[in-house]
């Protein structure tokens, strides 16, 4: 079963969320857009050409709650693969907690995957994450 939600908590502010989607081929068509929220308020949309194949790099500069709805839409039956991870200021991956899922979509299907990141003051981050 595919996961439709991923949360990262305790991420040091100054990190980056990295998102990419693959799935479109000559015969299959999947589009992906990312709707962004900061503190629960809309903060823009990244179109398909920034997400697929990506990666879309979204800075997480402040202490806040960041939300991302990855909207996957298939014009034909297709499989979309979503990959996401948090890159720390030291360029390593947060807690080795990468997210990768595949979504089988029927023609004209849409599925939404919610990614959320709760950032903290770097002074309170775990040792080795900066």
N, C-alpha and C. Protein backbone atom coordinates (compact mmCIF):
# COMPACT_ATOMS: atom_id res chain seq x y z
N UNK A 1 0.84 -1.18 0.00
CA UNK A 1 0.00 0.00 0.00
C UNK A 1 0.88 1.24 0.00
N UNK A 2 0.53 2.20 -0.79
CA UNK A 2 1.30 3.43 -0.89
C UNK A 2 0.99 4.37 0.27
N UNK A 3 2.00 5.06 0.72
CA UNK A 3 1.83 6.07 1.76
C UNK A 3 1.42 7.39 1.09
N UNK A 4 0.48 8.08 1.71
CA UNK A 4 0.04 9.36 1.17
C UNK A 4 0.39 10.52 2.10
N UNK A 5 1.26 10.26 3.08
CA UNK A 5 1.67 11.30 4.01
C UNK A 5 3.06 10.97 4.55
N UNK A 6 3.87 12.01 4.70
CA UNK A 6 5.20 11.86 5.30
C UNK A 6 5.47 13.10 6.13
N UNK A 7 5.92 12.89 7.37
CA UNK A 7 6.24 13.99 8.28
C UNK A 7 7.70 13.91 8.70
N UNK A 8 8.35 15.06 8.72
CA UNK A 8 9.68 15.17 9.31
C UNK A 8 9.56 16.19 10.44
N UNK A 9 9.96 15.82 11.66
CA UNK A 9 9.86 16.72 12.80
C UNK A 9 11.24 16.93 13.40
N UNK A 10 11.47 18.13 13.96
CA UNK A 10 12.74 18.43 14.58
C UNK A 10 13.85 18.72 13.59
N UNK A 11 13.48 19.19 12.42
CA UNK A 11 14.45 19.51 11.37
C UNK A 11 15.06 20.89 11.65
N UNK A 12 16.38 21.02 11.63
CA UNK A 12 16.97 22.33 11.86
C UNK A 12 16.58 23.34 10.77
N UNK A 13 16.15 24.53 11.20
CA UNK A 13 15.90 25.60 10.23
C UNK A 13 17.18 25.83 9.43
N UNK A 14 17.02 26.15 8.15
CA UNK A 14 18.18 26.30 7.27
C UNK A 14 18.39 25.06 6.41
N UNK A 15 17.57 24.04 6.63
CA UNK A 15 17.63 22.82 5.82
C UNK A 15 16.86 23.05 4.51
N UNK A 16 16.82 22.04 3.66
CA UNK A 16 16.15 22.12 2.36
C UNK A 16 15.36 20.84 2.13
N UNK A 17 14.10 20.97 1.68
CA UNK A 17 13.34 19.81 1.26
C UNK A 17 13.59 19.60 -0.23
N UNK A 18 13.92 18.37 -0.61
CA UNK A 18 14.22 18.03 -2.00
C UNK A 18 13.15 17.05 -2.48
N UNK A 19 12.44 17.40 -3.56
CA UNK A 19 11.33 16.60 -4.08
C UNK A 19 11.54 16.33 -5.56
N UNK A 20 11.28 15.09 -5.98
CA UNK A 20 11.28 14.80 -7.42
C UNK A 20 10.23 13.74 -7.71
N UNK A 21 9.71 13.79 -8.93
CA UNK A 21 8.72 12.83 -9.40
C UNK A 21 9.18 12.32 -10.76
N UNK A 22 9.05 11.03 -10.98
CA UNK A 22 9.30 10.44 -12.29
C UNK A 22 8.09 9.61 -12.66
N UNK A 23 7.90 9.40 -13.96
CA UNK A 23 6.78 8.58 -14.40
C UNK A 23 6.37 8.85 -15.82
N UNK A 24 6.60 10.06 -16.32
CA UNK A 24 6.21 10.37 -17.68
C UNK A 24 7.18 9.73 -18.66
N UNK A 25 6.62 9.04 -19.65
CA UNK A 25 7.39 8.46 -20.74
C UNK A 25 6.70 8.85 -22.05
N UNK A 26 7.19 8.34 -23.16
CA UNK A 26 6.57 8.64 -24.45
C UNK A 26 5.13 8.13 -24.50
N UNK A 27 4.83 7.04 -23.77
CA UNK A 27 3.49 6.44 -23.80
C UNK A 27 2.63 6.79 -22.59
N UNK A 28 3.24 7.20 -21.51
CA UNK A 28 2.53 7.46 -20.26
C UNK A 28 2.69 8.93 -19.89
N UNK A 29 1.63 9.52 -19.37
CA UNK A 29 1.71 10.93 -19.01
C UNK A 29 1.20 11.14 -17.58
N UNK A 30 2.11 11.60 -16.73
CA UNK A 30 1.80 11.96 -15.35
C UNK A 30 2.28 13.39 -15.15
N UNK A 31 1.46 14.21 -14.54
CA UNK A 31 1.93 15.55 -14.17
C UNK A 31 1.99 15.63 -12.64
N UNK A 32 2.87 16.50 -12.17
CA UNK A 32 3.05 16.68 -10.73
C UNK A 32 3.22 18.16 -10.45
N UNK A 33 2.43 18.67 -9.53
CA UNK A 33 2.62 20.04 -9.05
C UNK A 33 2.73 19.98 -7.53
N UNK A 34 3.41 20.97 -6.96
CA UNK A 34 3.56 21.02 -5.51
C UNK A 34 2.96 22.33 -5.01
N UNK A 35 1.93 22.19 -4.17
CA UNK A 35 1.32 23.36 -3.51
C UNK A 35 2.00 23.51 -2.16
N UNK A 36 2.52 24.72 -1.89
CA UNK A 36 3.31 24.95 -0.68
C UNK A 36 2.52 25.79 0.32
N UNK A 37 2.74 25.47 1.63
CA UNK A 37 2.16 26.24 2.72
C UNK A 37 3.25 26.49 3.77
N UNK A 38 3.21 27.67 4.34
CA UNK A 38 4.09 27.98 5.47
C UNK A 38 3.20 28.49 6.59
N UNK A 39 3.29 27.85 7.74
CA UNK A 39 2.44 28.24 8.86
C UNK A 39 0.97 28.12 8.53
N UNK A 40 0.61 27.18 7.66
CA UNK A 40 -0.78 26.96 7.28
C UNK A 40 -1.30 27.88 6.20
N UNK A 41 -0.49 28.83 5.74
CA UNK A 41 -0.92 29.79 4.72
C UNK A 41 -0.32 29.43 3.37
N UNK A 42 -1.10 29.58 2.28
CA UNK A 42 -0.57 29.28 0.95
C UNK A 42 0.72 30.06 0.67
N UNK A 43 1.69 29.36 0.06
CA UNK A 43 3.00 29.98 -0.20
C UNK A 43 3.47 29.69 -1.63
N UNK A 44 2.53 29.44 -2.54
CA UNK A 44 2.91 29.27 -3.94
C UNK A 44 2.77 27.84 -4.43
N UNK A 45 2.96 27.71 -5.74
CA UNK A 45 2.85 26.42 -6.42
C UNK A 45 4.06 26.25 -7.32
N UNK A 46 4.64 25.06 -7.30
CA UNK A 46 5.72 24.72 -8.24
C UNK A 46 5.14 23.83 -9.33
N UNK A 47 5.32 24.21 -10.60
CA UNK A 47 4.72 23.46 -11.71
C UNK A 47 5.49 22.19 -12.03
N UNK A 48 4.88 21.39 -12.88
CA UNK A 48 5.43 20.09 -13.27
C UNK A 48 6.88 20.16 -13.73
N UNK A 49 7.21 21.16 -14.52
CA UNK A 49 8.58 21.21 -15.07
C UNK A 49 9.64 21.48 -14.00
N UNK A 50 9.24 21.90 -12.81
CA UNK A 50 10.19 22.06 -11.70
C UNK A 50 10.28 20.80 -10.84
N UNK A 51 9.23 19.97 -10.88
CA UNK A 51 9.14 18.80 -10.02
C UNK A 51 9.57 17.53 -10.74
N UNK A 52 9.26 17.45 -12.02
CA UNK A 52 9.51 16.24 -12.80
C UNK A 52 10.47 16.54 -13.94
N UNK A 53 11.65 15.98 -14.01
CA UNK A 53 12.13 14.99 -13.05
C UNK A 53 12.73 15.61 -11.80
N UNK A 54 12.84 16.94 -11.78
CA UNK A 54 13.36 17.59 -10.58
C UNK A 54 14.87 17.49 -10.49
N UNK A 55 15.42 17.68 -9.35
CA UNK A 55 14.67 17.86 -8.12
C UNK A 55 14.27 19.32 -7.88
N UNK A 56 13.13 19.46 -7.24
CA UNK A 56 12.70 20.75 -6.72
C UNK A 56 13.35 20.90 -5.35
N UNK A 57 14.05 21.99 -5.13
CA UNK A 57 14.72 22.25 -3.85
C UNK A 57 14.00 23.41 -3.17
N UNK A 58 13.42 23.15 -2.01
CA UNK A 58 12.63 24.15 -1.29
C UNK A 58 13.35 24.49 0.02
N UNK A 59 13.87 25.71 0.14
CA UNK A 59 14.53 26.11 1.39
C UNK A 59 13.53 26.14 2.56
N UNK A 60 14.01 25.76 3.72
CA UNK A 60 13.26 25.80 4.98
C UNK A 60 14.01 26.74 5.92
N UNK A 61 13.96 28.05 5.65
CA UNK A 61 14.89 28.98 6.29
C UNK A 61 14.59 29.36 7.73
N UNK A 62 13.33 29.17 8.16
CA UNK A 62 12.94 29.68 9.47
C UNK A 62 12.32 28.56 10.31
N UNK A 63 12.11 28.85 11.59
CA UNK A 63 11.40 27.93 12.47
C UNK A 63 9.92 28.08 12.15
N UNK A 64 9.32 27.01 11.61
CA UNK A 64 7.92 27.09 11.20
C UNK A 64 7.41 25.70 10.84
N UNK A 65 6.15 25.62 10.47
CA UNK A 65 5.55 24.39 9.95
C UNK A 65 5.38 24.58 8.45
N UNK A 66 6.01 23.70 7.68
CA UNK A 66 5.96 23.76 6.22
C UNK A 66 5.14 22.58 5.71
N UNK A 67 4.20 22.84 4.81
CA UNK A 67 3.38 21.79 4.23
C UNK A 67 3.50 21.80 2.72
N UNK A 68 3.45 20.62 2.13
CA UNK A 68 3.58 20.47 0.69
C UNK A 68 2.60 19.41 0.22
N UNK A 69 1.69 19.78 -0.66
CA UNK A 69 0.79 18.82 -1.29
C UNK A 69 1.36 18.52 -2.66
N UNK A 70 1.78 17.29 -2.87
CA UNK A 70 2.27 16.85 -4.18
C UNK A 70 1.06 16.25 -4.89
N UNK A 71 0.60 16.93 -5.93
CA UNK A 71 -0.59 16.52 -6.67
C UNK A 71 -0.15 15.78 -7.92
N UNK A 72 -0.46 14.50 -7.97
CA UNK A 72 -0.09 13.65 -9.10
C UNK A 72 -1.35 13.38 -9.93
N UNK A 73 -1.29 13.68 -11.23
CA UNK A 73 -2.43 13.48 -12.12
C UNK A 73 -1.97 12.71 -13.34
N UNK A 74 -2.74 11.68 -13.71
CA UNK A 74 -2.38 10.84 -14.84
C UNK A 74 -3.35 11.08 -16.00
N UNK A 75 -2.82 11.41 -17.16
CA UNK A 75 -3.63 11.54 -18.37
C UNK A 75 -3.86 10.17 -19.00
N UNK A 76 -2.96 9.23 -18.72
CA UNK A 76 -3.08 7.83 -19.13
C UNK A 76 -2.78 6.99 -17.91
N UNK A 77 -3.09 5.72 -17.94
CA UNK A 77 -2.69 4.85 -16.84
C UNK A 77 -1.17 4.90 -16.73
N UNK A 78 -0.68 5.12 -15.52
CA UNK A 78 0.76 5.30 -15.35
C UNK A 78 1.14 5.07 -13.89
N UNK A 79 2.43 4.93 -13.67
CA UNK A 79 2.97 4.84 -12.32
C UNK A 79 3.86 6.06 -12.10
N UNK A 80 3.60 6.76 -11.01
CA UNK A 80 4.41 7.92 -10.64
C UNK A 80 5.24 7.53 -9.42
N UNK A 81 6.52 7.85 -9.46
CA UNK A 81 7.40 7.60 -8.33
C UNK A 81 7.78 8.94 -7.71
N UNK A 82 7.45 9.10 -6.44
CA UNK A 82 7.75 10.31 -5.69
C UNK A 82 8.90 10.03 -4.75
N UNK A 83 9.91 10.89 -4.79
CA UNK A 83 11.05 10.80 -3.87
C UNK A 83 11.21 12.14 -3.18
N UNK A 84 11.46 12.09 -1.88
CA UNK A 84 11.67 13.33 -1.12
C UNK A 84 12.59 13.05 0.06
N UNK A 85 13.38 14.05 0.39
CA UNK A 85 14.22 13.95 1.59
C UNK A 85 14.54 15.36 2.06
N UNK A 86 14.94 15.45 3.32
CA UNK A 86 15.39 16.71 3.89
C UNK A 86 16.90 16.72 3.87
N UNK A 87 17.46 17.74 3.24
CA UNK A 87 18.91 17.92 3.22
C UNK A 87 19.27 18.95 4.29
N UNK A 88 20.14 18.53 5.20
CA UNK A 88 20.57 19.39 6.30
C UNK A 88 21.59 20.41 5.81
N UNK A 89 21.86 21.45 6.60
CA UNK A 89 22.87 22.43 6.20
C UNK A 89 24.24 21.82 5.90
N UNK A 90 24.56 20.67 6.54
CA UNK A 90 25.86 20.02 6.27
C UNK A 90 25.79 19.10 5.04
N UNK A 91 24.68 19.15 4.30
CA UNK A 91 24.44 18.41 3.05
C UNK A 91 24.10 16.94 3.26
N UNK A 92 24.02 16.45 4.50
CA UNK A 92 23.60 15.07 4.75
C UNK A 92 22.06 15.01 4.77
N UNK A 93 21.52 13.81 4.77
CA UNK A 93 20.07 13.62 4.82
C UNK A 93 19.62 13.52 6.27
N UNK A 94 18.53 14.17 6.59
CA UNK A 94 17.99 14.19 7.95
C UNK A 94 17.63 12.77 8.40
N UNK A 95 18.27 12.32 9.46
CA UNK A 95 18.01 11.03 10.10
C UNK A 95 17.91 9.87 9.11
N UNK A 96 18.57 10.01 7.96
CA UNK A 96 18.50 8.97 6.92
C UNK A 96 17.06 8.54 6.67
N UNK A 97 16.16 9.51 6.71
CA UNK A 97 14.72 9.26 6.63
C UNK A 97 14.16 9.72 5.29
N UNK A 98 14.70 9.16 4.21
CA UNK A 98 14.23 9.50 2.87
C UNK A 98 12.87 8.85 2.61
N UNK A 99 12.08 9.46 1.75
CA UNK A 99 10.75 8.96 1.40
C UNK A 99 10.73 8.65 -0.09
N UNK A 100 10.35 7.42 -0.43
CA UNK A 100 10.17 7.02 -1.83
C UNK A 100 8.96 6.11 -1.91
N UNK A 101 8.02 6.49 -2.74
CA UNK A 101 6.81 5.67 -2.94
C UNK A 101 6.42 5.72 -4.41
N UNK A 102 5.81 4.65 -4.87
CA UNK A 102 5.25 4.59 -6.22
C UNK A 102 3.73 4.56 -6.12
N UNK A 103 3.08 5.24 -7.05
CA UNK A 103 1.63 5.35 -7.07
C UNK A 103 1.13 4.90 -8.44
N UNK A 104 0.31 3.86 -8.46
CA UNK A 104 -0.29 3.39 -9.70
C UNK A 104 -1.58 4.17 -9.92
N UNK A 105 -1.63 4.88 -11.03
CA UNK A 105 -2.75 5.75 -11.32
C UNK A 105 -3.47 5.27 -12.58
N UNK A 106 -4.79 5.25 -12.51
CA UNK A 106 -5.59 4.95 -13.70
C UNK A 106 -5.72 6.23 -14.52
N UNK A 107 -6.17 6.08 -15.75
CA UNK A 107 -6.39 7.24 -16.62
C UNK A 107 -7.28 8.25 -15.90
N UNK A 108 -6.87 9.51 -15.92
CA UNK A 108 -7.59 10.64 -15.32
C UNK A 108 -7.62 10.62 -13.79
N UNK A 109 -6.84 9.75 -13.15
CA UNK A 109 -6.75 9.72 -11.68
C UNK A 109 -5.90 10.87 -11.17
N UNK A 110 -6.23 11.32 -9.97
CA UNK A 110 -5.41 12.27 -9.24
C UNK A 110 -5.25 11.75 -7.82
N UNK A 111 -4.03 11.83 -7.32
CA UNK A 111 -3.79 11.49 -5.91
C UNK A 111 -2.94 12.61 -5.32
N UNK A 112 -3.14 12.87 -4.05
CA UNK A 112 -2.40 13.92 -3.36
C UNK A 112 -1.59 13.29 -2.23
N UNK A 113 -0.31 13.61 -2.21
CA UNK A 113 0.59 13.13 -1.16
C UNK A 113 1.00 14.36 -0.34
N UNK A 114 0.79 14.29 0.96
CA UNK A 114 1.12 15.41 1.83
C UNK A 114 2.47 15.17 2.49
N UNK A 115 3.36 16.13 2.31
CA UNK A 115 4.66 16.13 2.98
C UNK A 115 4.66 17.29 3.95
N UNK A 116 5.12 17.07 5.17
CA UNK A 116 5.20 18.18 6.12
C UNK A 116 6.53 18.15 6.85
N UNK A 117 7.02 19.35 7.14
CA UNK A 117 8.30 19.50 7.83
C UNK A 117 8.11 20.52 8.95
N UNK A 118 8.46 20.12 10.16
CA UNK A 118 8.43 21.02 11.30
C UNK A 118 9.88 21.35 11.65
N UNK A 119 10.24 22.61 11.48
CA UNK A 119 11.62 23.01 11.73
C UNK A 119 11.77 23.57 13.15
N UNK A 120 13.01 23.45 13.66
CA UNK A 120 13.33 23.95 14.99
C UNK A 120 14.57 24.85 14.90
N UNK A 121 14.78 25.61 15.95
CA UNK A 121 15.98 26.43 16.04
C UNK A 121 17.20 25.51 16.00
N UNK A 122 18.17 25.80 15.15
CA UNK A 122 19.35 24.93 15.06
C UNK A 122 20.07 24.72 16.40
N UNK A 123 19.92 25.66 17.33
CA UNK A 123 20.55 25.50 18.65
C UNK A 123 20.01 24.28 19.39
N UNK A 124 18.81 23.84 19.03
CA UNK A 124 18.19 22.69 19.70
C UNK A 124 18.28 21.41 18.87
N UNK A 125 18.98 21.46 17.74
CA UNK A 125 19.08 20.30 16.85
C UNK A 125 19.99 19.23 17.45
N UNK A 126 19.77 18.01 17.02
CA UNK A 126 20.61 16.89 17.45
C UNK A 126 22.03 17.11 16.99
N UNK A 127 23.03 16.71 17.77
CA UNK A 127 24.43 16.83 17.34
C UNK A 127 24.66 16.11 16.00
N UNK A 128 25.45 16.72 15.17
CA UNK A 128 25.79 16.12 13.89
C UNK A 128 24.83 16.43 12.77
N UNK A 129 23.76 17.22 13.05
CA UNK A 129 22.80 17.53 12.00
C UNK A 129 23.05 18.88 11.34
N UNK A 130 24.05 19.57 11.79
CA UNK A 130 24.34 20.87 11.18
C UNK A 130 25.59 20.73 10.38
